[in-house]
Amino acid sequence: MSQEPDPERLKALESKLAKHRKIDVAKPDRDNFAQGEMAWRMVIELVSGLGIGFGIGYTIDVLAGTLPIFMVVFTLLGLIAGVRVMMRTAAELNTQTEAAKASEEEGK
């Protein structure tokens, strides 16, 4: 029971472990997730614009007693604001993509 471990077997085991450690597991591509994140960001911006516009319009209508005039107007303004923010986000994404392509071409 008090035998010393065989050094040759230990070396063989270490080499097997080292070989298995070198095998890389394929990591998910971060770019695929970035596109999805950007799409959800745009959807949230649009829905937020609509919701905020609706809330402001409905509140003004309730306080002024003019249902649904301001609700419709501010919902449309919220839609316009949401679309503008989405377009700004799309331009930002386009700029990032072009910068990445330029850096790749420069690195070649």
N, C-alpha and C. Protein backbone atom coordinates (compact mmCIF):
# COMPACT_ATOMS: atom_id res chain seq x y z
N MET A 1 0.80 -1.19 0.00
CA MET A 1 0.00 0.00 0.00
C MET A 1 0.84 1.26 0.00
N SER A 2 2.06 1.16 0.51
CA SER A 2 2.91 2.35 0.56
C SER A 2 3.87 2.38 -0.61
N GLN A 3 3.43 1.87 -1.75
CA GLN A 3 4.29 1.86 -2.93
C GLN A 3 4.36 3.24 -3.54
N GLU A 4 5.51 3.54 -4.07
CA GLU A 4 5.70 4.81 -4.78
C GLU A 4 5.06 4.69 -6.15
N PRO A 5 4.48 5.77 -6.67
CA PRO A 5 3.89 5.71 -8.01
C PRO A 5 4.98 5.53 -9.07
N ASP A 6 4.63 4.81 -10.10
CA ASP A 6 5.56 4.53 -11.19
C ASP A 6 5.77 5.81 -12.00
N PRO A 7 7.02 6.32 -12.10
CA PRO A 7 7.26 7.57 -12.81
C PRO A 7 6.91 7.50 -14.29
N GLU A 8 7.09 6.34 -14.90
CA GLU A 8 6.76 6.22 -16.33
C GLU A 8 5.26 6.33 -16.56
N ARG A 9 4.48 5.73 -15.69
CA ARG A 9 3.03 5.81 -15.82
C ARG A 9 2.56 7.24 -15.57
N LEU A 10 3.20 7.92 -14.62
CA LEU A 10 2.83 9.32 -14.35
C LEU A 10 3.13 10.20 -15.56
N LYS A 11 4.28 9.98 -16.19
CA LYS A 11 4.63 10.76 -17.39
C LYS A 11 3.64 10.49 -18.52
N ALA A 12 3.25 9.23 -18.68
CA ALA A 12 2.29 8.88 -19.72
C ALA A 12 0.94 9.55 -19.45
N LEU A 13 0.54 9.54 -18.19
CA LEU A 13 -0.72 10.18 -17.82
C LEU A 13 -0.65 11.69 -18.05
N GLU A 14 0.46 12.30 -17.69
CA GLU A 14 0.63 13.74 -17.90
C GLU A 14 0.60 14.10 -19.38
N SER A 15 1.21 13.27 -20.21
CA SER A 15 1.20 13.56 -21.65
C SER A 15 -0.21 13.42 -22.22
N LYS A 16 -0.97 12.43 -21.75
CA LYS A 16 -2.35 12.29 -22.21
C LYS A 16 -3.19 13.49 -21.78
N LEU A 17 -3.00 13.92 -20.54
CA LEU A 17 -3.75 15.08 -20.04
C LEU A 17 -3.39 16.34 -20.82
N ALA A 18 -2.11 16.51 -21.11
CA ALA A 18 -1.67 17.68 -21.86
C ALA A 18 -2.27 17.67 -23.26
N LYS A 19 -2.34 16.50 -23.87
CA LYS A 19 -2.91 16.39 -25.21
C LYS A 19 -4.38 16.77 -25.20
N HIS A 20 -5.11 16.34 -24.19
CA HIS A 20 -6.53 16.66 -24.11
C HIS A 20 -6.78 18.12 -23.74
N ARG A 21 -5.87 18.71 -23.02
CA ARG A 21 -6.01 20.13 -22.67
C ARG A 21 -5.83 21.02 -23.89
N LYS A 22 -5.03 20.57 -24.84
CA LYS A 22 -4.76 21.37 -26.02
C LYS A 22 -5.95 21.42 -26.97
N ILE A 23 -6.85 20.46 -26.87
CA ILE A 23 -8.01 20.45 -27.75
C ILE A 23 -8.91 21.61 -27.34
N ASP A 24 -9.13 22.51 -28.30
CA ASP A 24 -9.98 23.66 -28.03
C ASP A 24 -11.42 23.33 -28.39
N VAL A 25 -12.28 23.69 -27.49
CA VAL A 25 -13.70 23.55 -27.77
C VAL A 25 -14.12 24.76 -28.58
N ALA A 26 -14.87 24.55 -29.62
CA ALA A 26 -15.30 25.66 -30.48
C ALA A 26 -16.12 26.64 -29.67
N LYS A 27 -15.67 27.88 -29.65
CA LYS A 27 -16.38 28.91 -28.91
C LYS A 27 -17.40 29.56 -29.84
N PRO A 28 -18.55 29.93 -29.29
CA PRO A 28 -19.54 30.57 -30.16
C PRO A 28 -19.02 31.90 -30.69
N ASP A 29 -19.38 32.20 -31.91
CA ASP A 29 -18.93 33.42 -32.56
C ASP A 29 -19.66 34.62 -31.95
N ARG A 30 -18.91 35.55 -31.44
CA ARG A 30 -19.48 36.72 -30.77
C ARG A 30 -20.22 37.62 -31.76
N ASP A 31 -19.81 37.62 -33.02
CA ASP A 31 -20.47 38.47 -34.01
C ASP A 31 -21.92 38.08 -34.22
N ASN A 32 -22.21 36.78 -34.15
CA ASN A 32 -23.59 36.34 -34.32
C ASN A 32 -24.46 36.89 -33.21
N PHE A 33 -23.95 36.90 -31.99
CA PHE A 33 -24.71 37.44 -30.88
C PHE A 33 -24.83 38.95 -30.98
N ALA A 34 -23.80 39.60 -31.49
CA ALA A 34 -23.82 41.06 -31.59
C ALA A 34 -24.93 41.51 -32.54
N GLN A 35 -25.15 40.78 -33.61
CA GLN A 35 -26.22 41.15 -34.55
C GLN A 35 -27.58 41.01 -33.88
N GLY A 36 -27.78 39.94 -33.14
CA GLY A 36 -29.04 39.74 -32.43
C GLY A 36 -29.27 40.80 -31.37
N GLU A 37 -28.20 41.13 -30.65
CA GLU A 37 -28.30 42.17 -29.63
C GLU A 37 -28.68 43.51 -30.25
N MET A 38 -28.10 43.81 -31.40
CA MET A 38 -28.41 45.08 -32.06
C MET A 38 -29.86 45.09 -32.55
N ALA A 39 -30.34 43.96 -33.03
CA ALA A 39 -31.73 43.89 -33.48
C ALA A 39 -32.69 44.10 -32.32
N TRP A 40 -32.41 43.46 -31.18
CA TRP A 40 -33.27 43.64 -30.02
C TRP A 40 -33.20 45.07 -29.50
N ARG A 41 -32.03 45.66 -29.57
CA ARG A 41 -31.89 47.06 -29.15
C ARG A 41 -32.79 47.96 -30.00
N MET A 42 -32.82 47.70 -31.31
CA MET A 42 -33.66 48.52 -32.20
C MET A 42 -35.14 48.31 -31.91
N VAL A 43 -35.54 47.08 -31.65
CA VAL A 43 -36.94 46.81 -31.33
C VAL A 43 -37.33 47.51 -30.03
N ILE A 44 -36.47 47.44 -29.04
CA ILE A 44 -36.76 48.08 -27.76
C ILE A 44 -36.85 49.59 -27.91
N GLU A 45 -35.99 50.17 -28.73
CA GLU A 45 -36.04 51.62 -28.96
C GLU A 45 -37.35 52.02 -29.61
N LEU A 46 -37.81 51.25 -30.57
CA LEU A 46 -39.07 51.57 -31.25
C LEU A 46 -40.25 51.44 -30.30
N VAL A 47 -40.31 50.35 -29.57
CA VAL A 47 -41.42 50.13 -28.64
C VAL A 47 -41.40 51.16 -27.52
N SER A 48 -40.21 51.53 -27.06
CA SER A 48 -40.10 52.56 -26.03
C SER A 48 -40.63 53.90 -26.53
N GLY A 49 -40.28 54.26 -27.74
CA GLY A 49 -40.78 55.51 -28.32
C GLY A 49 -42.29 55.51 -28.41
N LEU A 50 -42.85 54.40 -28.87
CA LEU A 50 -44.31 54.28 -28.95
C LEU A 50 -44.95 54.37 -27.57
N GLY A 51 -44.40 53.65 -26.62
CA GLY A 51 -44.96 53.63 -25.26
C GLY A 51 -44.90 54.99 -24.58
N ILE A 52 -43.77 55.65 -24.71
CA ILE A 52 -43.63 56.97 -24.08
C ILE A 52 -44.57 57.97 -24.74
N GLY A 53 -44.65 57.95 -26.07
CA GLY A 53 -45.57 58.84 -26.77
C GLY A 53 -47.01 58.58 -26.38
N PHE A 54 -47.39 57.31 -26.31
CA PHE A 54 -48.75 56.97 -25.90
C PHE A 54 -49.03 57.44 -24.48
N GLY A 55 -48.08 57.21 -23.58
CA GLY A 55 -48.27 57.61 -22.18
C GLY A 55 -48.44 59.11 -22.02
N ILE A 56 -47.60 59.87 -22.70
CA ILE A 56 -47.69 61.33 -22.61
C ILE A 56 -49.02 61.80 -23.21
N GLY A 57 -49.37 61.28 -24.38
CA GLY A 57 -50.62 61.68 -25.02
C GLY A 57 -51.84 61.31 -24.20
N TYR A 58 -51.87 60.12 -23.65
CA TYR A 58 -53.00 59.69 -22.83
C TYR A 58 -53.13 60.54 -21.57
N THR A 59 -52.00 60.86 -20.95
CA THR A 59 -52.02 61.69 -19.75
C THR A 59 -52.57 63.08 -20.06
N ILE A 60 -52.12 63.67 -21.13
CA ILE A 60 -52.62 65.00 -21.51
C ILE A 60 -54.11 64.92 -21.84
N ASP A 61 -54.54 63.87 -22.53
CA ASP A 61 -55.95 63.72 -22.86
C ASP A 61 -56.81 63.58 -21.60
N VAL A 62 -56.35 62.80 -20.64
CA VAL A 62 -57.12 62.63 -19.41
C VAL A 62 -57.21 63.94 -18.65
N LEU A 63 -56.09 64.66 -18.56
CA LEU A 63 -56.09 65.93 -17.83
C LEU A 63 -56.91 67.00 -18.55
N ALA A 64 -56.88 67.00 -19.88
CA ALA A 64 -57.59 68.02 -20.65
C ALA A 64 -59.00 67.58 -21.03
N GLY A 65 -59.31 66.30 -20.88
CA GLY A 65 -60.63 65.79 -21.24
C GLY A 65 -60.86 65.77 -22.74
N THR A 66 -59.83 65.55 -23.51
CA THR A 66 -59.94 65.58 -24.97
C THR A 66 -59.61 64.23 -25.60
N LEU A 67 -60.01 63.14 -24.96
CA LEU A 67 -59.68 61.81 -25.46
C LEU A 67 -60.08 61.66 -26.91
N PRO A 68 -59.42 61.11 -27.80
CA PRO A 68 -58.09 60.58 -28.00
C PRO A 68 -57.19 61.45 -28.85
N ILE A 69 -57.42 62.74 -28.92
CA ILE A 69 -56.66 63.61 -29.83
C ILE A 69 -55.16 63.56 -29.53
N PHE A 70 -54.78 63.92 -28.31
CA PHE A 70 -53.35 63.98 -27.97
C PHE A 70 -52.72 62.58 -27.93
N MET A 71 -53.54 61.59 -27.58
CA MET A 71 -53.01 60.22 -27.54
C MET A 71 -52.55 59.80 -28.94
N VAL A 72 -53.34 60.08 -29.95
CA VAL A 72 -52.98 59.73 -31.33
C VAL A 72 -51.77 60.54 -31.78
N VAL A 73 -51.79 61.85 -31.51
CA VAL A 73 -50.70 62.72 -31.95
C VAL A 73 -49.38 62.30 -31.30
N PHE A 74 -49.38 62.10 -29.99
CA PHE A 74 -48.14 61.76 -29.31
C PHE A 74 -47.69 60.32 -29.60
N THR A 75 -48.64 59.42 -29.89
CA THR A 75 -48.24 58.08 -30.30
C THR A 75 -47.51 58.13 -31.63
N LEU A 76 -48.02 58.95 -32.55
CA LEU A 76 -47.33 59.12 -33.84
C LEU A 76 -45.97 59.79 -33.65
N LEU A 77 -45.91 60.79 -32.76
CA LEU A 77 -44.61 61.42 -32.48
C LEU A 77 -43.64 60.41 -31.85
N GLY A 78 -44.14 59.55 -30.98
CA GLY A 78 -43.31 58.50 -30.39
C GLY A 78 -42.81 57.52 -31.43
N LEU A 79 -43.68 57.19 -32.40
CA LEU A 79 -43.27 56.31 -33.49
C LEU A 79 -42.16 56.95 -34.31
N ILE A 80 -42.34 58.23 -34.62
CA ILE A 80 -41.32 58.95 -35.39
C ILE A 80 -40.00 58.99 -34.63
N ALA A 81 -40.08 59.30 -33.33
CA ALA A 81 -38.86 59.35 -32.51
C ALA A 81 -38.19 57.98 -32.44
N GLY A 82 -38.99 56.92 -32.29
CA GLY A 82 -38.43 55.56 -32.25
C GLY A 82 -37.74 55.18 -33.54
N VAL A 83 -38.35 55.54 -34.67
CA VAL A 83 -37.74 55.24 -35.97
C VAL A 83 -36.44 56.02 -36.14
N ARG A 84 -36.44 57.29 -35.71
CA ARG A 84 -35.21 58.09 -35.83
C ARG A 84 -34.08 57.49 -35.00
N VAL A 85 -34.40 57.04 -33.79
CA VAL A 85 -33.37 56.42 -32.95
C VAL A 85 -32.90 55.11 -33.57
N MET A 86 -33.82 54.34 -34.16
CA MET A 86 -33.42 53.10 -34.84
C MET A 86 -32.49 53.40 -36.01
N MET A 87 -32.79 54.44 -36.76
CA MET A 87 -31.94 54.80 -37.90
C MET A 87 -30.55 55.22 -37.42
N ARG A 88 -30.50 55.93 -36.31
CA ARG A 88 -29.21 56.33 -35.74
C ARG A 88 -28.42 55.10 -35.30
N THR A 89 -29.12 54.12 -34.71
CA THR A 89 -28.46 52.89 -34.30
C THR A 89 -27.94 52.12 -35.52
N ALA A 90 -28.73 52.08 -36.59
CA ALA A 90 -28.30 51.40 -37.81
C ALA A 90 -27.07 52.08 -38.40
N ALA A 91 -27.04 53.42 -38.37
CA ALA A 91 -25.87 54.14 -38.87
C ALA A 91 -24.65 53.84 -38.01
N GLU A 92 -24.85 53.75 -36.70
CA GLU A 92 -23.75 53.41 -35.78
C GLU A 92 -23.21 52.02 -36.09
N LEU A 93 -24.10 51.07 -36.32
CA LEU A 93 -23.69 49.70 -36.65
C LEU A 93 -22.93 49.68 -37.97
N ASN A 94 -23.41 50.44 -38.94
CA ASN A 94 -22.75 50.52 -40.24
C ASN A 94 -21.34 51.09 -40.10
N THR A 95 -21.19 52.13 -39.28
CA THR A 95 -19.87 52.73 -39.05
C THR A 95 -18.92 51.72 -38.40
N GLN A 96 -19.43 50.98 -37.42
CA GLN A 96 -18.59 49.97 -36.76
C GLN A 96 -18.17 48.88 -37.73
N THR A 97 -19.09 48.46 -38.59
CA THR A 97 -18.78 47.42 -39.57
C THR A 97 -17.73 47.89 -40.56
N GLU A 98 -17.89 49.12 -41.04
CA GLU A 98 -16.91 49.66 -41.99
C GLU A 98 -15.53 49.82 -41.34
N ALA A 99 -15.51 50.25 -40.08
CA ALA A 99 -14.24 50.39 -39.37
C ALA A 99 -13.57 49.03 -39.19
N ALA A 100 -14.36 48.01 -38.89
CA ALA A 100 -13.80 46.66 -38.72
C ALA A 100 -13.24 46.14 -40.04
N LYS A 101 -13.95 46.38 -41.14
CA LYS A 101 -13.46 45.95 -42.45
C LYS A 101 -12.17 46.68 -42.82
N ALA A 102 -12.13 47.98 -42.53
CA ALA A 102 -10.93 48.76 -42.85
C ALA A 102 -9.73 48.27 -42.04
N SER A 103 -9.95 47.95 -40.77
CA SER A 103 -8.84 47.47 -39.95
C SER A 103 -8.38 46.09 -40.41
N GLU A 104 -9.31 45.25 -40.89
CA GLU A 104 -8.92 43.94 -41.41
C GLU A 104 -8.08 44.08 -42.68
N GLU A 105 -8.51 44.99 -43.57
CA GLU A 105 -7.76 45.20 -44.81
C GLU A 105 -6.39 45.80 -44.52
N GLU A 106 -6.33 46.66 -43.52
CA GLU A 106 -5.06 47.29 -43.15
C GLU A 106 -4.10 46.26 -42.56
N GLY A 107 -4.66 45.30 -41.83
CA GLY A 107 -3.85 44.28 -41.18
C GLY A 107 -3.30 43.24 -42.13
N LYS A 108 -3.89 43.12 -43.32
CA LYS A 108 -3.45 42.09 -44.28
C LYS A 108 -2.18 42.44 -44.93
